[in-house]
C-alpha cells in the first residue's frame, strides 16, 4: 500500500482499482459510471471526514463556511486544532492538488496558519515558530495597512498563492489536527 494513496475507485467492468492521492469531496466530482465504487482510506491518527497525507504527516479538514478569522480559529481551537500550517513546497503542492481536485472545495480563499500581528513583517505560526516558507502571490505581502496580518491562500490560476489579509474579512478555512 503506497503511503500517498488516500482514495480509490474500483471499476467492476474492468476489474481494476484506480488509486488517488487526493480525497474527492463531492459526488459531483468525476463522471458517474455504472459499476464504479469509490472508497477513501482513513487511519487511526485522523478522524473520518479529515484528509490525511501520511507522507507529509498532516491531517486536516476543509470548512466551506465563509466566516470571520476569529470564528474559524475558535472553531478549530474547540477541537484542539489550529489553522493549516503550510511549511514546505511539498505541503503547498499537496494543498493545491487537494482543493483543486473537488468542485466543492475549488473555491477562492482559505484562512491558513500564520500572522504578523505581533510584529509587522515577522510571520509566525500559532505556536510562535517563525514562518520560513512562503508562497506569496505577486505583489504580496502588501502590508498596506497595519491590519493585513493574517495569511490567506487565494485562488489565482489554480495556484492558491498567499496574501496578507485583514481579520475582518470572511473566508473559508482549514483546521489541522496534530498527528
Protein backbone atom coordinates (compact mmCIF):
# COMPACT_ATOMS: atom_id res chain seq x y z
CA UNK A 1 0.00 0.00 0.00
CA UNK A 2 1.50 3.32 -1.06
CA UNK A 3 1.56 5.99 1.66
CA UNK A 4 0.41 8.69 -0.77
CA UNK A 5 -2.85 6.86 -1.58
CA UNK A 6 -5.93 8.21 0.22
CA UNK A 7 -8.73 7.08 -2.08
CA UNK A 8 -9.53 4.54 -4.76
CA UNK A 9 -12.10 3.93 -7.48
CA UNK A 10 -12.95 0.30 -8.17
CA UNK A 11 -14.30 -0.26 -11.69
CA UNK A 12 -16.21 -3.54 -11.82
CA UNK A 13 -16.34 -3.54 -15.64
CA UNK A 14 -12.55 -3.51 -15.89
CA UNK A 15 -11.91 -5.23 -12.53
CA UNK A 16 -9.35 -2.56 -11.70
CA UNK A 17 -8.63 -0.13 -8.94
CA UNK A 18 -7.50 3.40 -9.63
CA UNK A 19 -5.52 4.88 -6.73
CA UNK A 20 -5.56 8.62 -5.94
CA UNK A 21 -3.53 10.89 -3.71
CA UNK A 22 -6.48 13.24 -3.13
CA UNK A 23 -9.79 12.77 -1.34
CA UNK A 24 -12.77 13.62 -3.54
CA UNK A 25 -15.20 15.69 -1.50
CA UNK A 26 -18.30 15.79 -3.70
CA UNK A 27 -20.42 13.22 -5.56
CA UNK A 28 -20.27 15.67 -8.47
CA UNK A 29 -16.53 15.07 -8.91
CA UNK A 30 -15.67 12.85 -11.84
CA UNK A 31 -18.05 11.03 -14.15
CA UNK A 32 -20.81 8.73 -12.98
CA UNK A 33 -20.07 5.24 -14.23
CA UNK A 34 -22.20 2.14 -13.59
CA UNK A 35 -20.37 -0.46 -11.52
CA UNK A 36 -17.86 2.01 -10.07
CA UNK A 37 -17.40 2.25 -6.31
CA UNK A 38 -15.42 4.96 -4.51
CA UNK A 39 -13.53 4.30 -1.29
CA UNK A 40 -11.50 6.60 0.94
CA UNK A 41 -8.87 5.47 3.42
CA UNK A 42 -8.60 6.62 6.99
CA UNK A 43 -6.14 5.84 9.71
CA UNK A 44 -6.42 5.93 13.47
CA UNK A 45 -4.46 9.19 13.56
CA UNK A 46 -7.02 11.10 11.50
CA UNK A 47 -10.81 11.20 12.14
CA UNK A 48 -13.36 10.36 9.47
CA UNK A 49 -14.04 13.38 7.25
CA UNK A 50 -10.46 14.61 7.50
CA UNK A 51 -7.78 14.40 4.82
CA UNK A 52 -4.66 12.52 5.87
CA UNK A 53 -1.45 12.67 3.90
CA UNK A 54 0.81 10.10 5.53
CA UNK A 55 3.90 11.18 3.61
CA UNK A 56 3.64 14.72 4.97
CA UNK A 57 2.16 13.55 8.29
CA UNK A 58 -0.69 16.05 8.06
CA UNK A 59 -4.36 15.63 8.99
CA UNK A 60 -6.79 18.43 8.16
CA UNK A 61 -10.39 19.28 7.35
CA UNK A 62 -11.68 21.87 4.88
CA UNK A 63 -14.53 24.05 6.15
CA UNK A 64 -16.70 25.52 3.43
CA UNK A 65 -18.41 28.12 5.61
CA UNK A 66 -17.30 31.67 4.86
CA UNK A 67 -16.68 33.17 8.27
CA UNK A 68 -14.53 35.70 10.08
CA UNK A 69 -10.97 34.75 11.02
CA UNK A 70 -11.70 34.75 14.78
CA UNK A 71 -14.71 32.42 14.37
CA UNK A 72 -12.79 29.97 12.18
CA UNK A 73 -9.90 29.94 14.63
CA UNK A 74 -12.31 29.42 17.56
CA UNK A 75 -13.94 26.50 15.72
CA UNK A 76 -10.55 24.85 15.15
CA UNK A 77 -9.47 25.53 18.74
CA UNK A 78 -12.69 23.99 20.13
CA UNK A 79 -11.39 20.61 18.86
CA UNK A 80 -7.77 21.20 19.91
CA UNK A 81 -6.80 22.08 16.32
CA UNK A 82 -5.36 25.12 14.54
CA UNK A 83 -5.38 26.57 11.03
CA UNK A 84 -3.42 24.52 8.50
CA UNK A 85 0.34 25.05 8.68
CA UNK A 86 1.90 25.09 5.20
CA UNK A 87 5.63 24.96 5.89
CA UNK A 88 7.10 23.42 2.73
CA UNK A 89 6.67 23.42 -1.05
CA UNK A 90 5.50 19.80 -0.78
CA UNK A 91 2.72 20.71 1.64
CA UNK A 92 1.72 23.68 -0.54
CA UNK A 93 1.61 21.40 -3.59
CA UNK A 94 -0.49 18.81 -1.73
CA UNK A 95 -2.91 21.51 -0.52
CA UNK A 96 -3.33 22.93 -4.04
CA UNK A 97 -3.82 19.46 -5.53
CA UNK A 98 -6.41 18.57 -2.87
CA UNK A 99 -8.52 21.72 -3.13
CA UNK A 100 -8.47 21.79 -6.93
CA UNK A 101 -9.48 18.09 -7.16
CA UNK A 102 -13.03 18.73 -5.99
CA UNK A 103 -15.73 21.02 -7.32
CA UNK A 104 -16.92 21.63 -3.74
CA UNK A 105 -13.54 22.83 -2.47
CA UNK A 106 -12.15 24.62 -5.53
CA UNK A 107 -13.18 27.99 -4.10
CA UNK A 108 -11.45 31.31 -3.86
CA UNK A 109 -9.77 31.73 -0.47
CA UNK A 110 -8.90 29.86 2.74
CA UNK A 111 -7.51 31.12 6.04
CA UNK A 112 -4.27 29.24 6.83
CA UNK A 113 -1.90 29.47 9.80
CA UNK A 114 0.45 32.44 10.01
CA UNK A 115 0.31 36.00 11.29
CA UNK A 116 2.49 39.06 11.70
CA UNK A 117 0.07 40.77 14.11
CA UNK A 118 2.61 40.81 16.97
CA UNK A 119 5.45 42.35 14.92
CA UNK A 120 4.90 43.68 11.40
CA UNK A 121 6.88 41.65 8.87
CA UNK A 122 7.74 38.81 11.27
CA UNK A 123 5.41 35.97 10.33
CA UNK A 124 4.84 33.25 12.93
CA UNK A 125 2.65 30.17 13.30
CA UNK A 126 0.15 29.58 16.11
CA UNK A 127 2.90 28.03 18.26
CA UNK A 128 5.27 31.05 17.76
CA UNK A 129 7.59 29.22 15.33
CA UNK A 130 8.78 31.55 12.56
CA UNK A 131 7.28 31.02 9.11
CA UNK A 132 10.21 30.15 6.84
CA UNK A 133 8.35 29.00 3.71
CA UNK A 134 6.14 31.44 1.80
CA UNK A 135 4.05 31.04 -1.34
CA UNK A 136 3.22 34.72 -1.83
CA UNK A 137 1.03 35.90 -4.68
CA UNK A 138 2.69 38.55 -6.86
CA UNK A 139 2.68 41.90 -5.04
CA UNK A 140 2.29 40.36 -1.57
CA UNK A 141 2.73 40.84 1.25
CA UNK A 142 1.21 44.25 0.77
CA UNK A 143 1.35 45.46 4.36
CA UNK A 144 -0.84 48.29 3.03
CA UNK A 145 -2.44 48.70 6.43
CA UNK A 146 -1.48 47.56 9.89
CA UNK A 147 -4.49 45.22 9.78
CA UNK A 148 -3.23 42.95 6.96
CA UNK A 149 -1.80 40.45 9.43
CA UNK A 150 -3.29 37.06 8.50
CA UNK A 151 -2.40 34.50 5.83
CA UNK A 152 -4.96 33.55 3.21
CA UNK A 153 -4.37 31.09 0.37
CA UNK A 154 -6.21 32.68 -2.56
CA UNK A 155 -7.01 31.06 -5.87
CA UNK A 156 -5.05 32.59 -8.72
CA UNK A 157 -4.74 30.37 -11.80
CA UNK A 158 -5.36 27.30 -9.56
CA UNK A 159 -2.14 28.09 -7.67
CA UNK A 160 -3.65 29.25 -4.34
CA UNK A 161 -0.91 31.79 -3.66
CA UNK A 162 -0.75 33.56 -0.33
CA UNK A 163 -1.93 37.04 0.54
CA UNK A 164 -1.81 39.06 3.74
CA UNK A 165 -5.41 39.88 4.59
CA UNK A 166 -7.46 41.51 7.32
CA UNK A 167 -9.05 39.66 10.22
CA UNK A 168 -12.39 41.35 9.41
CA UNK A 169 -12.79 39.54 6.07
CA UNK A 170 -14.82 36.35 5.66
CA UNK A 171 -13.10 33.32 4.10
CA UNK A 172 -13.28 29.55 4.09
CA UNK A 173 -10.85 27.90 6.49
CA UNK A 174 -8.86 24.72 7.15
CA UNK A 175 -8.35 23.10 10.55
CA UNK A 176 -5.29 20.91 11.12
CA UNK A 177 -5.18 18.18 13.75
CA UNK A 178 -1.69 17.40 15.03
CA UNK A 179 -0.81 13.73 14.49
